[in-house]
Amino acid sequence: MAKIDRREDNNPERGEHEYGDVAFADPVNNKYPIDNPDHIRAAWSYINHEDNAAKYEKDEVKKIKDRIMSAAKEHDVEIDPDTVD
């Protein structure tokens, strides 16, 4: 499985400050919180925007999407796995 690299355009402390100590689909950069249904839906929407996904390697995007899908199942949130922006 891919390792997510630290992004130079992002401050991980911002995500923690904004959302607290929650699970993130990208825990390296504290992006895409997946701790509740609203955050899960938002994370799925954002990672499927081309400009957001472009900040990651293809295998990193897959890992982030897999984490979001797993959280969605855990929280009984229905999301479309074929969603593409």
PDB file of N, CA and C in Angstrom:
ATOM      1  N   MET A   1       0.846  -1.183   0.000  1.00  0.00           N
ATOM      2  CA  MET A   1       0.000   0.000   0.000  1.00  0.00           C
ATOM      3  C   MET A   1       0.885   1.238   0.000  1.00  0.00           C
ATOM      4  N   ALA A   2       0.423   2.258  -0.643  1.00  0.00           N
ATOM      5  CA  ALA A   2       1.180   3.504  -0.797  1.00  0.00           C
ATOM      6  C   ALA A   2       1.363   4.228   0.527  1.00  0.00           C
ATOM      7  N   LYS A   3       2.465   4.911   0.599  1.00  0.00           N
ATOM      8  CA  LYS A   3       2.741   5.799   1.727  1.00  0.00           C
ATOM      9  C   LYS A   3       2.386   7.198   1.267  1.00  0.00           C
ATOM     10  N   ILE A   4       1.695   7.938   2.103  1.00  0.00           N
ATOM     11  CA  ILE A   4       1.341   9.312   1.750  1.00  0.00           C
ATOM     12  C   ILE A   4       2.466  10.226   2.208  1.00  0.00           C
ATOM     13  N   ASP A   5       2.931  11.040   1.291  1.00  0.00           N
ATOM     14  CA  ASP A   5       4.027  11.955   1.585  1.00  0.00           C
ATOM     15  C   ASP A   5       3.512  13.260   2.171  1.00  0.00           C
ATOM     16  N   ARG A   6       4.372  13.898   2.917  1.00  0.00           N
ATOM     17  CA  ARG A   6       4.094  15.225   3.486  1.00  0.00           C
ATOM     18  C   ARG A   6       4.038  16.228   2.345  1.00  0.00           C
ATOM     19  N   ARG A   7       2.969  17.018   2.292  1.00  0.00           N
ATOM     20  CA  ARG A   7       2.812  18.034   1.252  1.00  0.00           C
ATOM     21  C   ARG A   7       3.408  19.345   1.726  1.00  0.00           C
ATOM     22  N   GLU A   8       4.174  19.970   0.860  1.00  0.00           N
ATOM     23  CA  GLU A   8       4.803  21.246   1.188  1.00  0.00           C
ATOM     24  C   GLU A   8       3.795  22.403   1.192  1.00  0.00           C
ATOM     25  N   ASP A   9       2.676  22.239   0.502  1.00  0.00           N
ATOM     26  CA  ASP A   9       1.676  23.302   0.394  1.00  0.00           C
ATOM     27  C   ASP A   9       0.654  23.272   1.527  1.00  0.00           C
ATOM     28  N   ASN A  10       0.900  22.468   2.539  1.00  0.00           N
ATOM     29  CA  ASN A  10      -0.080  22.248   3.588  1.00  0.00           C
ATOM     30  C   ASN A  10       0.580  22.251   4.960  1.00  0.00           C
ATOM     31  N   ASN A  11      -0.122  22.781   5.944  1.00  0.00           N
ATOM     32  CA  ASN A  11       0.341  22.741   7.323  1.00  0.00           C
ATOM     33  C   ASN A  11      -0.559  21.770   8.089  1.00  0.00           C
ATOM     34  N   PRO A  12      -0.045  20.596   8.465  1.00  0.00           N
ATOM     35  CA  PRO A  12      -0.873  19.594   9.151  1.00  0.00           C
ATOM     36  C   PRO A  12      -1.490  20.104  10.458  1.00  0.00           C
ATOM     37  N   GLU A  13      -0.849  21.073  11.082  1.00  0.00           N
ATOM     38  CA  GLU A  13      -1.387  21.616  12.334  1.00  0.00           C
ATOM     39  C   GLU A  13      -2.725  22.318  12.106  1.00  0.00           C
ATOM     40  N   ARG A  14      -2.918  22.832  10.914  1.00  0.00           N
ATOM     41  CA  ARG A  14      -4.178  23.514  10.601  1.00  0.00           C
ATOM     42  C   ARG A  14      -5.356  22.553  10.691  1.00  0.00           C
ATOM     43  N   GLY A  15      -5.197  21.358  10.131  1.00  0.00           N
ATOM     44  CA  GLY A  15      -6.269  20.367  10.178  1.00  0.00           C
ATOM     45  C   GLY A  15      -6.599  19.959  11.599  1.00  0.00           C
ATOM     46  N   GLU A  16      -5.569  19.747  12.395  1.00  0.00           N
ATOM     47  CA  GLU A  16      -5.783  19.369  13.789  1.00  0.00           C
ATOM     48  C   GLU A  16      -6.433  20.521  14.562  1.00  0.00           C
ATOM     49  N   HIS A  17      -5.992  21.740  14.295  1.00  0.00           N
ATOM     50  CA  HIS A  17      -6.568  22.915  14.956  1.00  0.00           C
ATOM     51  C   HIS A  17      -8.040  23.076  14.572  1.00  0.00           C
ATOM     52  N   GLU A  18      -8.333  22.854  13.291  1.00  0.00           N
ATOM     53  CA  GLU A  18      -9.682  23.053  12.778  1.00  0.00           C
ATOM     54  C   GLU A  18     -10.654  21.957  13.213  1.00  0.00           C
ATOM     55  N   TYR A  19     -10.186  20.696  13.245  1.00  0.00           N
ATOM     56  CA  TYR A  19     -11.083  19.562  13.499  1.00  0.00           C
ATOM     57  C   TYR A  19     -10.820  18.840  14.817  1.00  0.00           C
ATOM     58  N   GLY A  20      -9.697  19.106  15.442  1.00  0.00           N
ATOM     59  CA  GLY A  20      -9.361  18.420  16.686  1.00  0.00           C
ATOM     60  C   GLY A  20      -8.649  17.109  16.422  1.00  0.00           C
ATOM     61  N   ASP A  21      -8.609  16.289  17.428  1.00  0.00           N
ATOM     62  CA  ASP A  21      -7.926  14.995  17.351  1.00  0.00           C
ATOM     63  C   ASP A  21      -8.891  13.959  16.786  1.00  0.00           C
ATOM     64  N   VAL A  22      -9.046  13.968  15.450  1.00  0.00           N
ATOM     65  CA  VAL A  22      -9.972  13.062  14.765  1.00  0.00           C
ATOM     66  C   VAL A  22      -9.203  12.237  13.746  1.00  0.00           C
ATOM     67  N   ALA A  23      -9.862  11.245  13.199  1.00  0.00           N
ATOM     68  CA  ALA A  23      -9.276  10.443  12.131  1.00  0.00           C
ATOM     69  C   ALA A  23      -9.329  11.232  10.828  1.00  0.00           C
ATOM     70  N   PHE A  24      -8.239  11.153  10.074  1.00  0.00           N
ATOM     71  CA  PHE A  24      -8.163  11.794   8.763  1.00  0.00           C
ATOM     72  C   PHE A  24      -7.857  10.729   7.714  1.00  0.00           C
ATOM     73  N   ALA A  25      -8.429  10.885   6.518  1.00  0.00           N
ATOM     74  CA  ALA A  25      -8.108   9.969   5.424  1.00  0.00           C
ATOM     75  C   ALA A  25      -6.659  10.158   4.988  1.00  0.00           C
ATOM     76  N   ASP A  26      -6.128  11.360   5.157  1.00  0.00           N
ATOM     77  CA  ASP A  26      -4.706  11.649   4.950  1.00  0.00           C
ATOM     78  C   ASP A  26      -4.143  12.090   6.299  1.00  0.00           C
ATOM     79  N   PRO A  27      -3.706  11.122   7.117  1.00  0.00           N
ATOM     80  CA  PRO A  27      -3.225  11.449   8.462  1.00  0.00           C
ATOM     81  C   PRO A  27      -1.850  12.114   8.482  1.00  0.00           C
ATOM     82  N   VAL A  28      -1.119  12.058   7.399  1.00  0.00           N
ATOM     83  CA  VAL A  28       0.200  12.705   7.332  1.00  0.00           C
ATOM     84  C   VAL A  28       0.029  14.224   7.267  1.00  0.00           C
ATOM     85  N   ASN A  29      -0.926  14.659   6.466  1.00  0.00           N
ATOM     86  CA  ASN A  29      -1.162  16.084   6.255  1.00  0.00           C
ATOM     87  C   ASN A  29      -2.411  16.595   6.988  1.00  0.00           C
ATOM     88  N   ASN A  30      -3.067  15.695   7.728  1.00  0.00           N
ATOM     89  CA  ASN A  30      -4.308  16.021   8.446  1.00  0.00           C
ATOM     90  C   ASN A  30      -5.340  16.651   7.521  1.00  0.00           C
ATOM     91  N   LYS A  31      -5.594  15.942   6.417  1.00  0.00           N
ATOM     92  CA  LYS A  31      -6.584  16.367   5.436  1.00  0.00           C
ATOM     93  C   LYS A  31      -7.693  15.316   5.374  1.00  0.00           C
ATOM     94  N   TYR A  32      -8.896  15.755   5.064  1.00  0.00           N
ATOM     95  CA  TYR A  32     -10.044  14.892   4.854  1.00  0.00           C
ATOM     96  C   TYR A  32     -10.459  14.152   6.134  1.00  0.00           C
ATOM     97  N   PRO A  33     -11.030  14.894   7.121  1.00  0.00           N
ATOM     98  CA  PRO A  33     -11.495  14.245   8.343  1.00  0.00           C
ATOM     99  C   PRO A  33     -12.600  13.237   8.030  1.00  0.00           C
ATOM    100  N   ILE A  34     -12.566  12.119   8.713  1.00  0.00           N
ATOM    101  CA  ILE A  34     -13.521  11.032   8.462  1.00  0.00           C
ATOM    102  C   ILE A  34     -14.119  10.521   9.778  1.00  0.00           C
ATOM    103  N   ASP A  35     -14.409  11.439  10.685  1.00  0.00           N
ATOM    104  CA  ASP A  35     -14.883  11.056  12.013  1.00  0.00           C
ATOM    105  C   ASP A  35     -16.404  11.061  12.166  1.00  0.00           C
ATOM    106  N   ASN A  36     -17.118  11.614  11.206  1.00  0.00           N
ATOM    107  CA  ASN A  36     -18.580  11.620  11.298  1.00  0.00           C
ATOM    108  C   ASN A  36     -19.162  11.655   9.876  1.00  0.00           C
ATOM    109  N   PRO A  37     -20.457  11.365   9.740  1.00  0.00           N
ATOM    110  CA  PRO A  37     -21.051  11.284   8.400  1.00  0.00           C
ATOM    111  C   PRO A  37     -20.872  12.539   7.538  1.00  0.00           C
ATOM    112  N   ASP A  38     -21.035  13.724   8.123  1.00  0.00           N
ATOM    113  CA  ASP A  38     -20.866  14.947   7.325  1.00  0.00           C
ATOM    114  C   ASP A  38     -19.436  15.096   6.821  1.00  0.00           C
ATOM    115  N   HIS A  39     -18.465  14.813   7.676  1.00  0.00           N
ATOM    116  CA  HIS A  39     -17.063  14.904   7.264  1.00  0.00           C
ATOM    117  C   HIS A  39     -16.730  13.848   6.208  1.00  0.00           C
ATOM    118  N   ILE A  40     -17.298  12.681   6.351  1.00  0.00           N
ATOM    119  CA  ILE A  40     -17.044  11.600   5.388  1.00  0.00           C
ATOM    120  C   ILE A  40     -17.565  12.008   4.003  1.00  0.00           C
ATOM    121  N   ARG A  41     -18.781  12.525   3.957  1.00  0.00           N
ATOM    122  CA  ARG A  41     -19.347  12.961   2.674  1.00  0.00           C
ATOM    123  C   ARG A  41     -18.510  14.093   2.066  1.00  0.00           C
ATOM    124  N   ALA A  42     -18.100  15.033   2.909  1.00  0.00           N
ATOM    125  CA  ALA A  42     -17.284  16.150   2.420  1.00  0.00           C
ATOM    126  C   ALA A  42     -15.926  15.659   1.927  1.00  0.00           C
ATOM    127  N   ALA A  43     -15.304  14.750   2.678  1.00  0.00           N
ATOM    128  CA  ALA A  43     -14.002  14.208   2.273  1.00  0.00           C
ATOM    129  C   ALA A  43     -14.109  13.537   0.907  1.00  0.00           C
ATOM    130  N   TRP A  44     -15.175  12.763   0.707  1.00  0.00           N
ATOM    131  CA  TRP A  44     -15.365  12.075  -0.568  1.00  0.00           C
ATOM    132  C   TRP A  44     -15.538  13.091  -1.697  1.00  0.00           C
ATOM    133  N   SER A  45     -16.319  14.116  -1.435  1.00  0.00           N
ATOM    134  CA  SER A  45     -16.533  15.144  -2.448  1.00  0.00           C
ATOM    135  C   SER A  45     -15.218  15.847  -2.800  1.00  0.00           C
ATOM    136  N   TYR A  46     -14.465  16.245  -1.785  1.00  0.00           N
ATOM    137  CA  TYR A  46     -13.226  16.997  -2.026  1.00  0.00           C
ATOM    138  C   TYR A  46     -12.158  16.169  -2.730  1.00  0.00           C
ATOM    139  N   ILE A  47     -11.953  14.924  -2.330  1.00  0.00           N
ATOM    140  CA  ILE A  47     -10.884  14.129  -2.963  1.00  0.00           C
ATOM    141  C   ILE A  47     -11.243  13.798  -4.407  1.00  0.00           C
ATOM    142  N   ASN A  48     -12.519  13.891  -4.741  1.00  0.00           N
ATOM    143  CA  ASN A  48     -12.927  13.639  -6.116  1.00  0.00           C
ATOM    144  C   ASN A  48     -12.887  14.888  -6.987  1.00  0.00           C
ATOM    145  N   HIS A  49     -12.480  16.016  -6.446  1.00  0.00           N
ATOM    146  CA  HIS A  49     -12.230  17.214  -7.259  1.00  0.00           C
ATOM    147  C   HIS A  49     -10.846  17.053  -7.873  1.00  0.00           C
ATOM    148  N   GLU A  50     -10.767  17.249  -9.152  1.00  0.00           N
ATOM    149  CA  GLU A  50      -9.515  17.044  -9.881  1.00  0.00           C
ATOM    150  C   GLU A  50      -8.349  17.847  -9.294  1.00  0.00           C
ATOM    151  N   ASP A  51      -8.603  19.096  -8.913  1.00  0.00           N
ATOM    152  CA  ASP A  51      -7.514  19.931  -8.389  1.00  0.00           C
ATOM    153  C   ASP A  51      -7.020  19.432  -7.029  1.00  0.00           C
ATOM    154  N   ASN A  52      -7.885  18.860  -6.215  1.00  0.00           N
ATOM    155  CA  ASN A  52      -7.447  18.303  -4.932  1.00  0.00           C
ATOM    156  C   ASN A  52      -6.675  17.000  -5.135  1.00  0.00           C
ATOM    157  N   ALA A  53      -7.202  16.125  -5.964  1.00  0.00           N
ATOM    158  CA  ALA A  53      -6.539  14.846  -6.230  1.00  0.00           C
ATOM    159  C   ALA A  53      -5.177  15.058  -6.884  1.00  0.00           C
ATOM    160  N   ALA A  54      -5.043  16.118  -7.669  1.00  0.00           N
ATOM    161  CA  ALA A  54      -3.791  16.385  -8.380  1.00  0.00           C
ATOM    162  C   ALA A  54      -2.628  16.690  -7.440  1.00  0.00           C
ATOM    163  N   LYS A  55      -2.909  16.971  -6.185  1.00  0.00           N
ATOM    164  CA  LYS A  55      -1.857  17.261  -5.206  1.00  0.00           C
ATOM    165  C   LYS A  55      -1.212  15.991  -4.659  1.00  0.00           C
ATOM    166  N   TYR A  56      -1.721  14.849  -5.104  1.00  0.00           N
ATOM    167  CA  TYR A  56      -1.244  13.550  -4.636  1.00  0.00           C
ATOM    168  C   TYR A  56      -0.848  12.672  -5.824  1.00  0.00           C
ATOM    169  N   GLU A  57      -0.035  11.681  -5.544  1.00  0.00           N
ATOM    170  CA  GLU A  57       0.247  10.639  -6.527  1.00  0.00           C
ATOM    171  C   GLU A  57      -0.998   9.757  -6.648  1.00  0.00           C
ATOM    172  N   LYS A  58      -1.125   9.070  -7.754  1.00  0.00           N
ATOM    173  CA  LYS A  58      -2.300   8.232  -8.013  1.00  0.00           C
ATOM    174  C   LYS A  58      -2.515   7.190  -6.908  1.00  0.00           C
ATOM    175  N   ASP A  59      -1.448   6.554  -6.456  1.00  0.00           N
ATOM    176  CA  ASP A  59      -1.602   5.535  -5.416  1.00  0.00           C
ATOM    177  C   ASP A  59      -1.975   6.147  -4.065  1.00  0.00           C
ATOM    178  N   GLU A  60      -1.578   7.402  -3.830  1.00  0.00           N
ATOM    179  CA  GLU A  60      -1.968   8.086  -2.601  1.00  0.00           C
ATOM    180  C   GLU A  60      -3.466   8.397  -2.626  1.00  0.00           C
ATOM    181  N   VAL A  61      -3.971   8.814  -3.774  1.00  0.00           N
ATOM    182  CA  VAL A  61      -5.401   9.090  -3.915  1.00  0.00           C
ATOM    183  C   VAL A  61      -6.200   7.815  -3.651  1.00  0.00           C
ATOM    184  N   LYS A  62      -5.728   6.713  -4.182  1.00  0.00           N
ATOM    185  CA  LYS A  62      -6.412   5.435  -3.948  1.00  0.00           C
ATOM    186  C   LYS A  62      -6.457   5.115  -2.456  1.00  0.00           C
ATOM    187  N   LYS A  63      -5.352   5.306  -1.764  1.00  0.00           N
ATOM    188  CA  LYS A  63      -5.298   5.028  -0.327  1.00  0.00           C
ATOM    189  C   LYS A  63      -6.273   5.942   0.431  1.00  0.00           C
ATOM    190  N   ILE A  64      -6.301   7.213   0.083  1.00  0.00           N
ATOM    191  CA  ILE A  64      -7.221   8.156   0.728  1.00  0.00           C
ATOM    192  C   ILE A  64      -8.668   7.742   0.466  1.00  0.00           C
ATOM    193  N   LYS A  65      -8.979   7.417  -0.781  1.00  0.00           N
ATOM    194  CA  LYS A  65     -10.342   6.985  -1.111  1.00  0.00           C
ATOM    195  C   LYS A  65     -10.713   5.704  -0.378  1.00  0.00           C
ATOM    196  N   ASP A  66      -9.780   4.771  -0.271  1.00  0.00           N
ATOM    197  CA  ASP A  66     -10.047   3.525   0.459  1.00  0.00           C
ATOM    198  C   ASP A  66     -10.363   3.808   1.924  1.00  0.00           C
ATOM    199  N   ARG A  67      -9.636   4.739   2.523  1.00  0.00           N
ATOM    200  CA  ARG A  67      -9.886   5.098   3.928  1.00  0.00           C
ATOM    201  C   ARG A  67     -11.255   5.759   4.091  1.00  0.00           C
ATOM    202  N   ILE A  68     -11.612   6.601   3.142  1.00  0.00           N
ATOM    203  CA  ILE A  68     -12.926   7.254   3.208  1.00  0.00           C
ATOM    204  C   ILE A  68     -14.030   6.211   3.051  1.00  0.00           C
ATOM    205  N   MET A  69     -13.869   5.307   2.104  1.00  0.00           N
ATOM    206  CA  MET A  69     -14.868   4.251   1.894  1.00  0.00           C
ATOM    207  C   MET A  69     -15.015   3.384   3.146  1.00  0.00           C
ATOM    208  N   SER A  70     -13.899   3.057   3.772  1.00  0.00           N
ATOM    209  CA  SER A  70     -13.935   2.253   4.988  1.00  0.00           C
ATOM    210  C   SER A  70     -14.685   2.994   6.100  1.00  0.00           C
ATOM    211  N   ALA A  71     -14.406   4.275   6.255  1.00  0.00           N
ATOM    212  CA  ALA A  71     -15.101   5.077   7.271  1.00  0.00           C
ATOM    213  C   ALA A  71     -16.588   5.172   6.941  1.00  0.00           C
ATOM    214  N   ALA A  72     -16.918   5.288   5.670  1.00  0.00           N
ATOM    215  CA  ALA A  72     -18.324   5.361   5.260  1.00  0.00           C
ATOM    216  C   ALA A  72     -19.060   4.087   5.660  1.00  0.00           C
ATOM    217  N   LYS A  73     -18.453   2.945   5.436  1.00  0.00           N
ATOM    218  CA  LYS A  73     -19.076   1.675   5.837  1.00  0.00           C
ATOM    219  C   LYS A  73     -19.246   1.608   7.347  1.00  0.00           C
ATOM    220  N   GLU A  74     -18.216   2.043   8.055  1.00  0.00           N
ATOM    221  CA  GLU A  74     -18.231   2.012   9.517  1.00  0.00           C
ATOM    222  C   GLU A  74     -19.337   2.909  10.089  1.00  0.00           C
ATOM    223  N   HIS A  75     -19.614   4.034   9.433  1.00  0.00           N
ATOM    224  CA  HIS A  75     -20.609   4.997   9.907  1.00  0.00           C
ATOM    225  C   HIS A  75     -21.936   4.895   9.158  1.00  0.00           C
ATOM    226  N   ASP A  76     -22.111   3.829   8.356  1.00  0.00           N
ATOM    227  CA  ASP A  76     -23.334   3.630   7.570  1.00  0.00           C
ATOM    228  C   ASP A  76     -23.664   4.828   6.690  1.00  0.00           C
ATOM    229  N   VAL A  77     -22.633   5.336   6.026  1.00  0.00           N
ATOM    230  CA  VAL A  77     -22.802   6.461   5.104  1.00  0.00           C
ATOM    231  C   VAL A  77     -22.732   5.916   3.685  1.00  0.00           C
ATOM    232  N   GLU A  78     -23.734   6.256   2.890  1.00  0.00           N
ATOM    233  CA  GLU A  78     -23.760   5.789   1.511  1.00  0.00           C
ATOM    234  C   GLU A  78     -23.071   6.816   0.617  1.00  0.00           C
ATOM    235  N   ILE A  79     -22.022   6.383  -0.064  1.00  0.00           N
ATOM    236  CA  ILE A  79     -21.345   7.233  -1.039  1.00  0.00           C
ATOM    237  C   ILE A  79     -21.163   6.428  -2.319  1.00  0.00           C
ATOM    238  N   ASP A  80     -21.140   7.122  -3.420  1.00  0.00           N
ATOM    239  CA  ASP A  80     -21.007   6.477  -4.726  1.00  0.00           C
ATOM    240  C   ASP A  80     -19.539   6.251  -5.040  1.00  0.00           C
ATOM    241  N   PRO A  81     -19.101   4.991  -5.101  1.00  0.00           N
ATOM    242  CA  PRO A  81     -17.682   4.729  -5.374  1.00  0.00           C
ATOM    243  C   PRO A  81     -17.233   5.162  -6.765  1.00  0.00           C
ATOM    244  N   ASP A  82     -18.187   5.433  -7.646  1.00  0.00           N
ATOM    245  CA  ASP A  82     -17.841   5.832  -9.010  1.00  0.00           C
ATOM    246  C   ASP A  82     -17.867   7.340  -9.193  1.00  0.00           C
ATOM    247  N   THR A  83     -18.008   8.082  -8.104  1.00  0.00           N
ATOM    248  CA  THR A  83     -18.064   9.547  -8.178  1.00  0.00           C
ATOM    249  C   THR A  83     -16.748  10.081  -8.756  1.00  0.00           C
ATOM    250  N   VAL A  84     -16.893  10.925  -9.735  1.00  0.00           N
ATOM    251  CA  VAL A  84     -15.745  11.601 -10.328  1.00  0.00           C
ATOM    252  C   VAL A  84     -16.175  13.033 -10.593  1.00  0.00           C
ATOM    253  N   ASP A  85     -15.302  13.962 -10.277  1.00  0.00           N
ATOM    254  CA  ASP A  85     -15.617  15.373 -10.507  1.00  0.00           C
ATOM    255  C   ASP A  85     -15.527  15.676 -11.980  1.00  0.00           C
TER     256      ASP A  85
END
